[in-house]
C-alpha atoms as a PDB file:
ATOM      1  CA  UNK A   1     129.742 152.654  35.789  1.00  0.00           C
ATOM      2  CA  UNK A   2     132.566 150.900  37.631  1.00  0.00           C
ATOM      3  CA  UNK A   3     133.354 154.113  39.549  1.00  0.00           C
ATOM      4  CA  UNK A   4     129.833 154.133  40.829  1.00  0.00           C
ATOM      5  CA  UNK A   5     130.076 150.533  41.912  1.00  0.00           C
ATOM      6  CA  UNK A   6     133.370 151.249  43.646  1.00  0.00           C
ATOM      7  CA  UNK A   7     131.806 154.229  45.522  1.00  0.00           C
ATOM      8  CA  UNK A   8     128.929 152.001  46.703  1.00  0.00           C
ATOM      9  CA  UNK A   9     131.344 149.357  47.894  1.00  0.00           C
ATOM     10  CA  UNK A  10     133.423 151.910  49.690  1.00  0.00           C
ATOM     11  CA  UNK A  11     130.269 152.959  51.506  1.00  0.00           C
ATOM     12  CA  UNK A  12     129.716 149.346  52.680  1.00  0.00           C
ATOM     13  CA  UNK A  13     127.516 147.949  50.063  1.00  0.00           C
ATOM     14  CA  UNK A  14     128.412 144.484  48.744  1.00  0.00           C
ATOM     15  CA  UNK A  15     128.847 144.577  44.942  1.00  0.00           C
ATOM     16  CA  UNK A  16     129.100 141.492  42.855  1.00  0.00           C
ATOM     17  CA  UNK A  17     129.703 141.698  39.070  1.00  0.00           C
ATOM     18  CA  UNK A  18     130.472 139.105  36.510  1.00  0.00           C
ATOM     19  CA  UNK A  19     132.680 139.730  33.543  1.00  0.00           C
ATOM     20  CA  UNK A  20     134.837 138.073  30.976  1.00  0.00           C
ATOM     21  CA  UNK A  21     136.837 141.289  30.535  1.00  0.00           C
ATOM     22  CA  UNK A  22     140.204 140.813  32.251  1.00  0.00           C
ATOM     23  CA  UNK A  23     140.926 144.570  32.291  1.00  0.00           C
ATOM     24  CA  UNK A  24     137.706 145.230  34.105  1.00  0.00           C
ATOM     25  CA  UNK A  25     138.218 142.224  36.474  1.00  0.00           C
ATOM     26  CA  UNK A  26     141.609 143.647  37.399  1.00  0.00           C
ATOM     27  CA  UNK A  27     139.894 146.676  38.984  1.00  0.00           C
ATOM     28  CA  UNK A  28     138.076 144.491  41.510  1.00  0.00           C
ATOM     29  CA  UNK A  29     139.330 144.132  45.073  1.00  0.00           C
ATOM     30  CA  UNK A  30     138.495 140.443  44.930  1.00  0.00           C
ATOM     31  CA  UNK A  31     138.418 138.045  41.992  1.00  0.00           C
ATOM     32  CA  UNK A  32     136.755 134.696  42.155  1.00  0.00           C
ATOM     33  CA  UNK A  33     137.397 132.638  38.948  1.00  0.00           C
ATOM     34  CA  UNK A  34     134.851 129.950  38.028  1.00  0.00           C
ATOM     35  CA  UNK A  35     135.380 127.180  35.480  1.00  0.00           C
ATOM     36  CA  UNK A  36     132.702 124.646  34.695  1.00  0.00           C
ATOM     37  CA  UNK A  37     130.629 125.771  37.603  1.00  0.00           C
ATOM     38  CA  UNK A  38     133.386 125.355  40.116  1.00  0.00           C
ATOM     39  CA  UNK A  39     135.524 127.987  41.890  1.00  0.00           C
ATOM     40  CA  UNK A  40     139.056 127.554  40.628  1.00  0.00           C
ATOM     41  CA  UNK A  41     140.668 130.564  42.456  1.00  0.00           C
ATOM     42  CA  UNK A  42     139.687 133.164  44.961  1.00  0.00           C
ATOM     43  CA  UNK A  43     141.980 136.225  45.706  1.00  0.00           C
ATOM     44  CA  UNK A  44     139.706 137.230  48.654  1.00  0.00           C
ATOM     45  CA  UNK A  45     140.889 137.429  52.256  1.00  0.00           C
ATOM     46  CA  UNK A  46     139.073 136.634  55.517  1.00  0.00           C
ATOM     47  CA  UNK A  47     137.375 139.713  57.002  1.00  0.00           C
ATOM     48  CA  UNK A  48     136.621 140.085  60.649  1.00  0.00           C
ATOM     49  CA  UNK A  49     133.404 138.250  61.417  1.00  0.00           C
ATOM     50  CA  UNK A  50     133.117 137.210  57.712  1.00  0.00           C
ATOM     51  CA  UNK A  51     133.096 133.983  55.864  1.00  0.00           C
ATOM     52  CA  UNK A  52     136.368 132.426  54.722  1.00  0.00           C
ATOM     53  CA  UNK A  53     137.002 132.724  51.002  1.00  0.00           C
ATOM     54  CA  UNK A  54     135.538 129.807  49.195  1.00  0.00           C
ATOM     55  CA  UNK A  55     133.343 128.745  52.230  1.00  0.00           C
ATOM     56  CA  UNK A  56     129.743 127.996  51.506  1.00  0.00           C
ATOM     57  CA  UNK A  57     127.464 130.819  52.262  1.00  0.00           C
ATOM     58  CA  UNK A  58     126.419 131.118  55.869  1.00  0.00           C
ATOM     59  CA  UNK A  59     129.457 129.402  57.287  1.00  0.00           C
ATOM     60  CA  UNK A  60     131.211 131.925  59.371  1.00  0.00           C
ATOM     61  CA  UNK A  61     134.775 131.513  60.257  1.00  0.00           C
ATOM     62  CA  UNK A  62     135.525 130.482  63.914  1.00  0.00           C
END
């Protein structure tokens, strides 16, 4: 299943999945950890024209 999600992502589709499985999470290109409803870490990076990691949706980087 994860292979299919990775192929979709490589083709340009945004894929979001939620898991408590650390081994599965380790396969992701970006990991956002949430505790008590708050983001506690984000391994993402800024992409050209994209939002900064942790920025509220719709707030593009300058």
